[in-house]
Structure formats: C-alpha cells, structure tokens
C-alpha cells in the first residue's frame, strides 16, 4: 500500500482509518394505539429518523434495545427494525418501568453504534414523545 508522506513523496506503509468509537443514541415515539400496525409504524418512523440523523449504516450498529410501556403488547418493536433491514443487528424488547402518571403508549430505543471519534450523536424524540426530553433541544 502506498501513501503520500509529509514531504509529498509516495511511501510504502499502512494506511490507518480514522479512529472509531462506540456511541449510544436514545429516542422515543408514542404509538397511536395498542395495535400491531400502529406499533410498527411508530417504530419505523423513529428508527428511520435515528438512522438518518446519525448517518448510520447497519454494519456499524452493535445492538439495539427497545422498551415499551405496559399498555403496548400487540407487537414487538424489533419487528419494524428487522423490516428496515437490520437483520444482523442484535435486537431486544423489554418493558419500561410503569411509573404512575407517565406518558402512555411509548416506545423507547437505545442504539449502540460505531462512528468516527468526532461524531456528535443525535437523539430523536418524535411527536408527543418530545415532551419526555424537552431538555435535549438537539433531539427535536
């Protein structure tokens, strides 16, 4: 392999790719109803935004954890991620802690991925779920 040295001469050596590090991004969306199609549509919207805003490729994704509030049980959010092509990314669905008075029908996600060291992770809160993290202006 050849590269250009500091003096402009072609030199033999190895090329080092930009340093990568592990990041995690969060997001949430509120499903319209406890129906399979509503859960899948909300999760798809959330995942598309998260992937697009962070410039992610499936190959860079390490794992993805979904949680749902107790009132959502008609479908697994991970199904929507698989439908988007995340077939090699380990996915897991769990229950959120049922805090009295908390927002209903919420799907949350935490996605771990590799990106260049200087990447600025962008969290995504869609629709009414923006109220969950109004402190994260960049997530809106």
N, C-alpha and C. Protein backbone atom coordinates (compact mmCIF):
# COMPACT_ATOMS: atom_id res chain seq x y z
N UNK A 1 0.85 -1.16 0.00
CA UNK A 1 0.00 0.00 0.00
C UNK A 1 0.89 1.23 0.00
N UNK A 2 0.50 2.26 -0.72
CA UNK A 2 1.28 3.49 -0.79
C UNK A 2 0.46 4.66 -0.25
N UNK A 3 1.17 5.63 0.31
CA UNK A 3 0.54 6.86 0.75
C UNK A 3 1.52 8.00 0.56
N UNK A 4 0.99 9.21 0.59
CA UNK A 4 1.84 10.39 0.40
C UNK A 4 2.36 10.82 1.76
N UNK A 5 3.70 10.92 1.88
CA UNK A 5 4.33 11.34 3.12
C UNK A 5 4.24 12.85 3.30
N UNK A 6 4.77 13.34 4.40
CA UNK A 6 4.71 14.76 4.72
C UNK A 6 5.46 15.61 3.69
N UNK A 7 6.48 15.04 3.08
CA UNK A 7 7.24 15.81 2.08
C UNK A 7 6.66 15.66 0.67
N UNK A 8 5.53 14.99 0.52
CA UNK A 8 4.88 14.84 -0.77
C UNK A 8 5.31 13.62 -1.55
N UNK A 9 6.28 12.86 -1.05
CA UNK A 9 6.75 11.66 -1.73
C UNK A 9 5.81 10.49 -1.46
N UNK A 10 5.69 9.63 -2.45
CA UNK A 10 4.92 8.39 -2.25
C UNK A 10 5.76 7.47 -1.37
N UNK A 11 5.16 6.89 -0.37
CA UNK A 11 5.84 6.00 0.55
C UNK A 11 5.05 4.73 0.74
N UNK A 12 5.78 3.67 1.05
CA UNK A 12 5.11 2.42 1.39
C UNK A 12 4.76 2.45 2.86
N UNK A 13 3.70 1.79 3.20
CA UNK A 13 3.31 1.73 4.61
C UNK A 13 1.87 1.30 4.73
N UNK A 14 1.36 1.49 5.88
CA UNK A 14 -0.03 1.11 6.07
C UNK A 14 -0.86 2.37 6.27
N UNK A 15 -2.06 2.29 5.80
CA UNK A 15 -2.99 3.41 5.97
C UNK A 15 -3.85 3.15 7.19
N UNK A 16 -3.96 4.14 8.04
CA UNK A 16 -4.79 3.98 9.22
C UNK A 16 -6.10 4.72 9.00
N UNK A 17 -7.20 4.01 9.20
CA UNK A 17 -8.52 4.61 9.06
C UNK A 17 -8.76 5.56 10.22
N UNK A 18 -9.66 6.50 10.04
CA UNK A 18 -9.98 7.41 11.15
C UNK A 18 -10.41 6.62 12.38
N UNK A 19 -10.04 7.10 13.55
CA UNK A 19 -10.38 6.42 14.80
C UNK A 19 -11.90 6.36 14.97
N UNK A 20 -12.37 5.21 15.38
CA UNK A 20 -13.80 4.98 15.62
C UNK A 20 -14.01 4.80 17.12
N UNK A 21 -15.18 5.13 17.57
CA UNK A 21 -15.52 4.84 18.96
C UNK A 21 -16.98 4.43 19.03
N UNK A 22 -17.34 3.83 20.14
CA UNK A 22 -18.69 3.35 20.36
C UNK A 22 -19.56 4.48 20.90
N UNK A 23 -20.71 4.67 20.29
CA UNK A 23 -21.69 5.66 20.72
C UNK A 23 -23.00 4.96 21.03
N UNK A 24 -23.86 5.65 21.79
CA UNK A 24 -25.23 5.20 22.02
C UNK A 24 -26.14 6.40 21.82
N UNK A 25 -27.22 6.18 21.10
CA UNK A 25 -28.23 7.22 20.94
C UNK A 25 -29.56 6.71 21.47
N UNK A 26 -30.35 7.67 21.94
CA UNK A 26 -31.66 7.36 22.50
C UNK A 26 -32.73 7.99 21.65
N UNK A 27 -33.93 7.45 21.80
CA UNK A 27 -35.07 8.03 21.11
C UNK A 27 -36.36 7.47 21.66
N UNK A 28 -37.45 8.13 21.32
CA UNK A 28 -38.77 7.67 21.76
C UNK A 28 -39.83 8.18 20.80
N UNK A 29 -40.93 7.46 20.79
CA UNK A 29 -42.09 7.83 19.98
C UNK A 29 -43.33 7.29 20.70
N UNK A 30 -44.46 7.92 20.46
CA UNK A 30 -45.71 7.45 21.06
C UNK A 30 -46.53 6.79 19.96
N UNK A 31 -46.93 5.53 20.18
CA UNK A 31 -47.78 4.81 19.23
C UNK A 31 -49.20 5.34 19.35
N UNK A 32 -49.93 5.36 18.25
CA UNK A 32 -51.30 5.86 18.27
C UNK A 32 -52.24 4.95 19.03
N UNK A 33 -51.95 3.65 19.02
CA UNK A 33 -52.84 2.69 19.67
C UNK A 33 -52.06 1.41 19.96
N UNK A 34 -52.63 0.56 20.79
CA UNK A 34 -52.04 -0.75 21.04
C UNK A 34 -52.49 -1.72 19.95
N UNK A 35 -52.03 -1.46 18.76
CA UNK A 35 -52.31 -2.29 17.59
C UNK A 35 -51.00 -2.54 16.88
N UNK A 36 -50.85 -3.74 16.34
CA UNK A 36 -49.61 -4.11 15.68
C UNK A 36 -49.15 -3.10 14.66
N UNK A 37 -50.04 -2.68 13.77
CA UNK A 37 -49.67 -1.73 12.72
C UNK A 37 -49.24 -0.39 13.30
N UNK A 38 -49.90 0.07 14.36
CA UNK A 38 -49.54 1.35 14.98
C UNK A 38 -48.16 1.27 15.63
N UNK A 39 -47.86 0.16 16.27
CA UNK A 39 -46.55 -0.02 16.90
C UNK A 39 -45.45 -0.08 15.85
N UNK A 40 -45.71 -0.81 14.77
CA UNK A 40 -44.71 -0.92 13.70
C UNK A 40 -44.49 0.41 13.00
N UNK A 41 -45.57 1.15 12.73
CA UNK A 41 -45.44 2.44 12.04
C UNK A 41 -44.67 3.43 12.91
N UNK A 42 -44.98 3.49 14.20
CA UNK A 42 -44.28 4.42 15.09
C UNK A 42 -42.81 4.06 15.21
N UNK A 43 -42.53 2.77 15.36
CA UNK A 43 -41.14 2.32 15.49
C UNK A 43 -40.36 2.59 14.21
N UNK A 44 -40.97 2.34 13.07
CA UNK A 44 -40.30 2.60 11.80
C UNK A 44 -39.96 4.09 11.66
N UNK A 45 -40.89 4.96 12.00
CA UNK A 45 -40.63 6.40 11.92
C UNK A 45 -39.46 6.79 12.82
N UNK A 46 -39.47 6.28 14.04
CA UNK A 46 -38.40 6.56 14.99
C UNK A 46 -37.05 6.07 14.48
N UNK A 47 -37.01 4.83 14.03
CA UNK A 47 -35.74 4.25 13.57
C UNK A 47 -35.21 4.94 12.32
N UNK A 48 -36.08 5.27 11.38
CA UNK A 48 -35.63 5.98 10.17
C UNK A 48 -34.99 7.32 10.53
N UNK A 49 -35.63 8.06 11.43
CA UNK A 49 -35.09 9.36 11.86
C UNK A 49 -33.75 9.19 12.57
N UNK A 50 -33.68 8.22 13.47
CA UNK A 50 -32.45 7.97 14.23
C UNK A 50 -31.29 7.61 13.30
N UNK A 51 -31.56 6.73 12.35
CA UNK A 51 -30.53 6.29 11.41
C UNK A 51 -30.11 7.44 10.50
N UNK A 52 -31.09 8.17 9.98
CA UNK A 52 -30.77 9.27 9.06
C UNK A 52 -30.01 10.39 9.76
N UNK A 53 -30.47 10.82 10.91
CA UNK A 53 -29.83 11.95 11.60
C UNK A 53 -28.43 11.63 12.09
N UNK A 54 -28.15 10.34 12.27
CA UNK A 54 -26.82 9.94 12.74
C UNK A 54 -25.96 9.35 11.63
N UNK A 55 -26.47 9.31 10.41
CA UNK A 55 -25.71 8.80 9.28
C UNK A 55 -25.22 7.37 9.49
N UNK A 56 -26.07 6.53 10.06
CA UNK A 56 -25.67 5.16 10.40
C UNK A 56 -25.85 4.18 9.25
N UNK A 57 -25.01 3.19 9.25
CA UNK A 57 -25.13 2.03 8.36
C UNK A 57 -25.30 0.80 9.25
N UNK A 58 -26.08 -0.18 8.83
CA UNK A 58 -26.28 -1.38 9.66
C UNK A 58 -24.98 -2.04 10.10
N UNK A 59 -23.94 -2.00 9.25
CA UNK A 59 -22.67 -2.63 9.58
C UNK A 59 -22.01 -2.00 10.81
N UNK A 60 -22.33 -0.75 11.10
CA UNK A 60 -21.73 -0.05 12.24
C UNK A 60 -22.53 -0.23 13.53
N UNK A 61 -23.71 -0.83 13.41
CA UNK A 61 -24.58 -0.99 14.57
C UNK A 61 -24.17 -2.20 15.39
N UNK A 62 -24.12 -2.02 16.70
CA UNK A 62 -23.69 -3.08 17.61
C UNK A 62 -24.89 -3.79 18.23
N UNK A 63 -25.85 -3.02 18.75
CA UNK A 63 -27.04 -3.61 19.36
C UNK A 63 -28.11 -2.53 19.51
N UNK A 64 -29.33 -2.99 19.70
CA UNK A 64 -30.46 -2.08 19.80
C UNK A 64 -31.43 -2.63 20.83
N UNK A 65 -31.75 -1.81 21.82
CA UNK A 65 -32.65 -2.20 22.89
C UNK A 65 -33.91 -1.35 22.81
N UNK A 66 -35.06 -2.00 22.71
CA UNK A 66 -36.35 -1.32 22.71
C UNK A 66 -37.05 -1.56 24.04
N UNK A 67 -37.76 -0.55 24.53
CA UNK A 67 -38.66 -0.75 25.66
C UNK A 67 -40.03 -0.21 25.25
N UNK A 68 -41.06 -0.78 25.86
CA UNK A 68 -42.41 -0.27 25.66
C UNK A 68 -43.08 -0.10 27.01
N UNK A 69 -44.02 0.82 27.07
CA UNK A 69 -44.81 0.96 28.28
C UNK A 69 -45.74 -0.25 28.38
N UNK A 70 -46.26 -0.48 29.58
CA UNK A 70 -47.10 -1.66 29.84
C UNK A 70 -48.32 -1.77 28.93
N UNK A 71 -48.78 -0.66 28.38
CA UNK A 71 -50.00 -0.67 27.58
C UNK A 71 -49.77 -1.03 26.11
N UNK A 72 -48.55 -1.36 25.75
CA UNK A 72 -48.24 -1.80 24.38
C UNK A 72 -47.78 -3.25 24.39
N UNK A 73 -48.62 -4.13 23.83
CA UNK A 73 -48.26 -5.54 23.77
C UNK A 73 -48.76 -6.23 22.50
N UNK A 74 -49.18 -5.45 21.50
CA UNK A 74 -49.73 -6.03 20.27
C UNK A 74 -48.66 -6.47 19.28
N UNK A 75 -47.43 -5.96 19.44
CA UNK A 75 -46.35 -6.32 18.52
C UNK A 75 -45.01 -5.96 19.15
N UNK A 76 -43.96 -6.62 18.70
CA UNK A 76 -42.60 -6.30 19.13
C UNK A 76 -42.06 -5.17 18.27
N UNK A 77 -41.54 -4.08 18.86
CA UNK A 77 -40.93 -3.02 18.06
C UNK A 77 -39.78 -3.53 17.19
N UNK A 78 -39.09 -4.55 17.63
CA UNK A 78 -37.96 -5.09 16.87
C UNK A 78 -38.38 -5.58 15.48
N UNK A 79 -39.63 -5.95 15.32
CA UNK A 79 -40.12 -6.40 14.01
C UNK A 79 -39.95 -5.27 12.99
N UNK A 80 -40.25 -4.05 13.38
CA UNK A 80 -40.10 -2.90 12.48
C UNK A 80 -38.63 -2.70 12.09
N UNK A 81 -37.72 -2.88 13.05
CA UNK A 81 -36.30 -2.74 12.76
C UNK A 81 -35.85 -3.82 11.78
N UNK A 82 -36.31 -5.03 11.96
CA UNK A 82 -35.97 -6.11 11.02
C UNK A 82 -36.50 -5.78 9.62
N UNK A 83 -37.74 -5.25 9.57
CA UNK A 83 -38.33 -4.87 8.29
C UNK A 83 -37.55 -3.77 7.58
N UNK A 84 -36.81 -2.95 8.35
CA UNK A 84 -35.98 -1.91 7.76
C UNK A 84 -34.63 -2.43 7.28
N UNK A 85 -34.37 -3.72 7.50
CA UNK A 85 -33.13 -4.33 7.02
C UNK A 85 -32.08 -4.55 8.09
N UNK A 86 -32.41 -4.33 9.35
CA UNK A 86 -31.44 -4.55 10.42
C UNK A 86 -31.44 -6.02 10.82
N UNK A 87 -31.08 -6.87 9.89
CA UNK A 87 -31.18 -8.31 10.09
C UNK A 87 -29.98 -8.92 10.81
N UNK A 88 -28.87 -8.19 10.88
CA UNK A 88 -27.69 -8.72 11.56
C UNK A 88 -27.41 -8.02 12.89
N UNK A 89 -28.25 -7.06 13.24
CA UNK A 89 -28.07 -6.30 14.48
C UNK A 89 -28.84 -7.02 15.60
N UNK A 90 -28.20 -7.33 16.71
CA UNK A 90 -28.93 -7.93 17.83
C UNK A 90 -29.95 -6.93 18.38
N UNK A 91 -31.21 -7.36 18.45
CA UNK A 91 -32.31 -6.52 18.92
C UNK A 91 -32.95 -7.17 20.14
N UNK A 92 -33.43 -6.35 21.08
CA UNK A 92 -34.11 -6.89 22.25
C UNK A 92 -35.24 -5.95 22.63
N UNK A 93 -36.36 -6.52 23.05
CA UNK A 93 -37.51 -5.76 23.52
C UNK A 93 -37.74 -6.05 25.00
N UNK A 94 -38.02 -4.98 25.76
CA UNK A 94 -38.24 -5.08 27.21
C UNK A 94 -39.40 -4.18 27.61
N UNK A 95 -39.78 -4.30 28.87
CA UNK A 95 -40.82 -3.44 29.44
C UNK A 95 -40.20 -2.25 30.15
N UNK A 96 -40.84 -1.11 30.02
CA UNK A 96 -40.45 0.10 30.74
C UNK A 96 -41.04 0.02 32.15
N UNK A 97 -40.44 0.67 33.11
CA UNK A 97 -40.97 0.71 34.47
C UNK A 97 -42.30 1.46 34.43
N UNK A 98 -43.37 0.88 34.98
CA UNK A 98 -44.69 1.53 34.94
C UNK A 98 -44.85 2.63 35.99
N UNK A 99 -44.27 3.77 35.75
CA UNK A 99 -44.34 4.90 36.69
C UNK A 99 -45.73 5.53 36.60
N UNK A 100 -46.42 5.66 37.73
CA UNK A 100 -47.76 6.28 37.71
C UNK A 100 -47.73 7.68 37.08
N UNK A 101 -48.68 7.93 36.20
CA UNK A 101 -48.79 9.24 35.55
C UNK A 101 -47.87 9.46 34.37
N UNK A 102 -47.07 8.45 33.99
CA UNK A 102 -46.15 8.62 32.86
C UNK A 102 -46.93 8.55 31.54
N UNK A 103 -46.30 9.05 30.49
CA UNK A 103 -46.91 9.07 29.17
C UNK A 103 -47.25 7.65 28.70
N UNK A 104 -48.45 7.44 28.19
CA UNK A 104 -48.83 6.10 27.72
C UNK A 104 -48.32 5.80 26.31
N UNK A 105 -48.32 4.53 25.94
CA UNK A 105 -48.04 4.02 24.59
C UNK A 105 -46.70 4.50 24.03
N UNK A 106 -45.66 4.49 24.86
CA UNK A 106 -44.35 4.97 24.45
C UNK A 106 -43.41 3.82 24.10
N UNK A 107 -42.74 3.97 22.99
CA UNK A 107 -41.69 3.05 22.55
C UNK A 107 -40.38 3.82 22.67
N UNK A 108 -39.43 3.27 23.41
CA UNK A 108 -38.11 3.90 23.56
C UNK A 108 -37.07 2.99 22.92
N UNK A 109 -35.96 3.60 22.53
CA UNK A 109 -34.88 2.83 21.93
C UNK A 109 -33.54 3.36 22.41
N UNK A 110 -32.59 2.46 22.57
CA UNK A 110 -31.18 2.81 22.75
C UNK A 110 -30.41 1.98 21.73
N UNK A 111 -29.70 2.68 20.87
CA UNK A 111 -28.97 2.04 19.78
C UNK A 111 -27.49 2.32 19.94
N UNK A 112 -26.68 1.25 19.96
CA UNK A 112 -25.22 1.36 20.07
C UNK A 112 -24.62 1.20 18.68
N UNK A 113 -23.67 2.09 18.34
CA UNK A 113 -23.06 2.03 17.01
C UNK A 113 -21.67 2.64 17.03
N UNK A 114 -20.87 2.26 16.05
CA UNK A 114 -19.54 2.84 15.88
C UNK A 114 -19.61 3.98 14.86
N UNK A 115 -18.87 5.04 15.17
CA UNK A 115 -18.77 6.19 14.27
C UNK A 115 -17.42 6.85 14.51
N UNK A 116 -17.01 7.73 13.60
CA UNK A 116 -15.74 8.43 13.81
C UNK A 116 -15.73 9.15 15.15
N UNK A 117 -14.55 9.24 15.72
CA UNK A 117 -14.37 9.79 17.06
C UNK A 117 -15.05 11.15 17.27
N UNK A 118 -15.08 12.00 16.29
CA UNK A 118 -15.66 13.33 16.44
C UNK A 118 -17.16 13.42 16.22
N UNK A 119 -17.81 12.29 15.98
CA UNK A 119 -19.26 12.29 15.71
C UNK A 119 -20.03 12.89 16.88
N UNK A 120 -21.07 13.64 16.57
CA UNK A 120 -21.95 14.19 17.59
C UNK A 120 -23.27 13.42 17.53
N UNK A 121 -23.53 12.52 18.50
CA UNK A 121 -24.75 11.73 18.46
C UNK A 121 -26.00 12.61 18.53
N UNK A 122 -27.00 12.25 17.75
CA UNK A 122 -28.25 12.99 17.72
C UNK A 122 -29.36 12.08 18.22
N UNK A 123 -29.91 12.40 19.38
CA UNK A 123 -31.03 11.66 19.95
C UNK A 123 -32.30 12.14 19.25
N UNK A 124 -33.30 11.26 19.14
CA UNK A 124 -34.51 11.59 18.39
C UNK A 124 -35.75 11.27 19.21
N UNK A 125 -36.55 12.29 19.46
CA UNK A 125 -37.82 12.14 20.15
C UNK A 125 -38.90 12.68 19.22
N UNK A 126 -39.81 11.80 18.80
CA UNK A 126 -40.77 12.12 17.74
C UNK A 126 -42.13 12.47 18.34
N UNK A 127 -42.77 13.49 17.75
CA UNK A 127 -44.14 13.85 18.12
C UNK A 127 -44.28 14.19 19.60
N UNK A 128 -45.31 13.64 20.23
CA UNK A 128 -45.59 13.89 21.64
C UNK A 128 -44.45 13.44 22.56
N UNK A 129 -43.66 12.48 22.09
CA UNK A 129 -42.54 11.97 22.90
C UNK A 129 -41.47 13.04 23.11
N UNK A 130 -41.52 14.13 22.34
CA UNK A 130 -40.58 15.23 22.55
C UNK A 130 -40.70 15.78 23.97
N UNK A 131 -41.88 15.69 24.55
CA UNK A 131 -42.11 16.18 25.91
C UNK A 131 -41.29 15.39 26.93
N UNK A 132 -40.89 14.17 26.58
CA UNK A 132 -40.10 13.35 27.50
C UNK A 132 -38.71 13.92 27.72
N UNK A 133 -38.17 14.57 26.71
CA UNK A 133 -36.81 15.11 26.80
C UNK A 133 -36.75 16.51 26.19
N UNK A 134 -37.58 17.39 26.69
CA UNK A 134 -37.58 18.77 26.21
C UNK A 134 -36.24 19.44 26.48
N UNK A 135 -35.45 18.88 27.41
CA UNK A 135 -34.14 19.44 27.72
C UNK A 135 -33.12 19.18 26.61
N UNK A 136 -33.41 18.23 25.73
CA UNK A 136 -32.49 17.91 24.63
C UNK A 136 -32.96 18.62 23.36
N UNK A 137 -32.58 19.86 23.23
CA UNK A 137 -33.00 20.64 22.08
C UNK A 137 -32.59 19.99 20.77
N UNK A 138 -31.42 19.39 20.75
CA UNK A 138 -30.92 18.75 19.53
C UNK A 138 -31.71 17.51 19.16
N UNK A 139 -32.49 16.97 20.09
CA UNK A 139 -33.23 15.74 19.81
C UNK A 139 -34.56 16.00 19.12
N UNK A 140 -34.92 17.25 18.99
CA UNK A 140 -36.26 17.56 18.48
C UNK A 140 -36.31 17.69 17.00
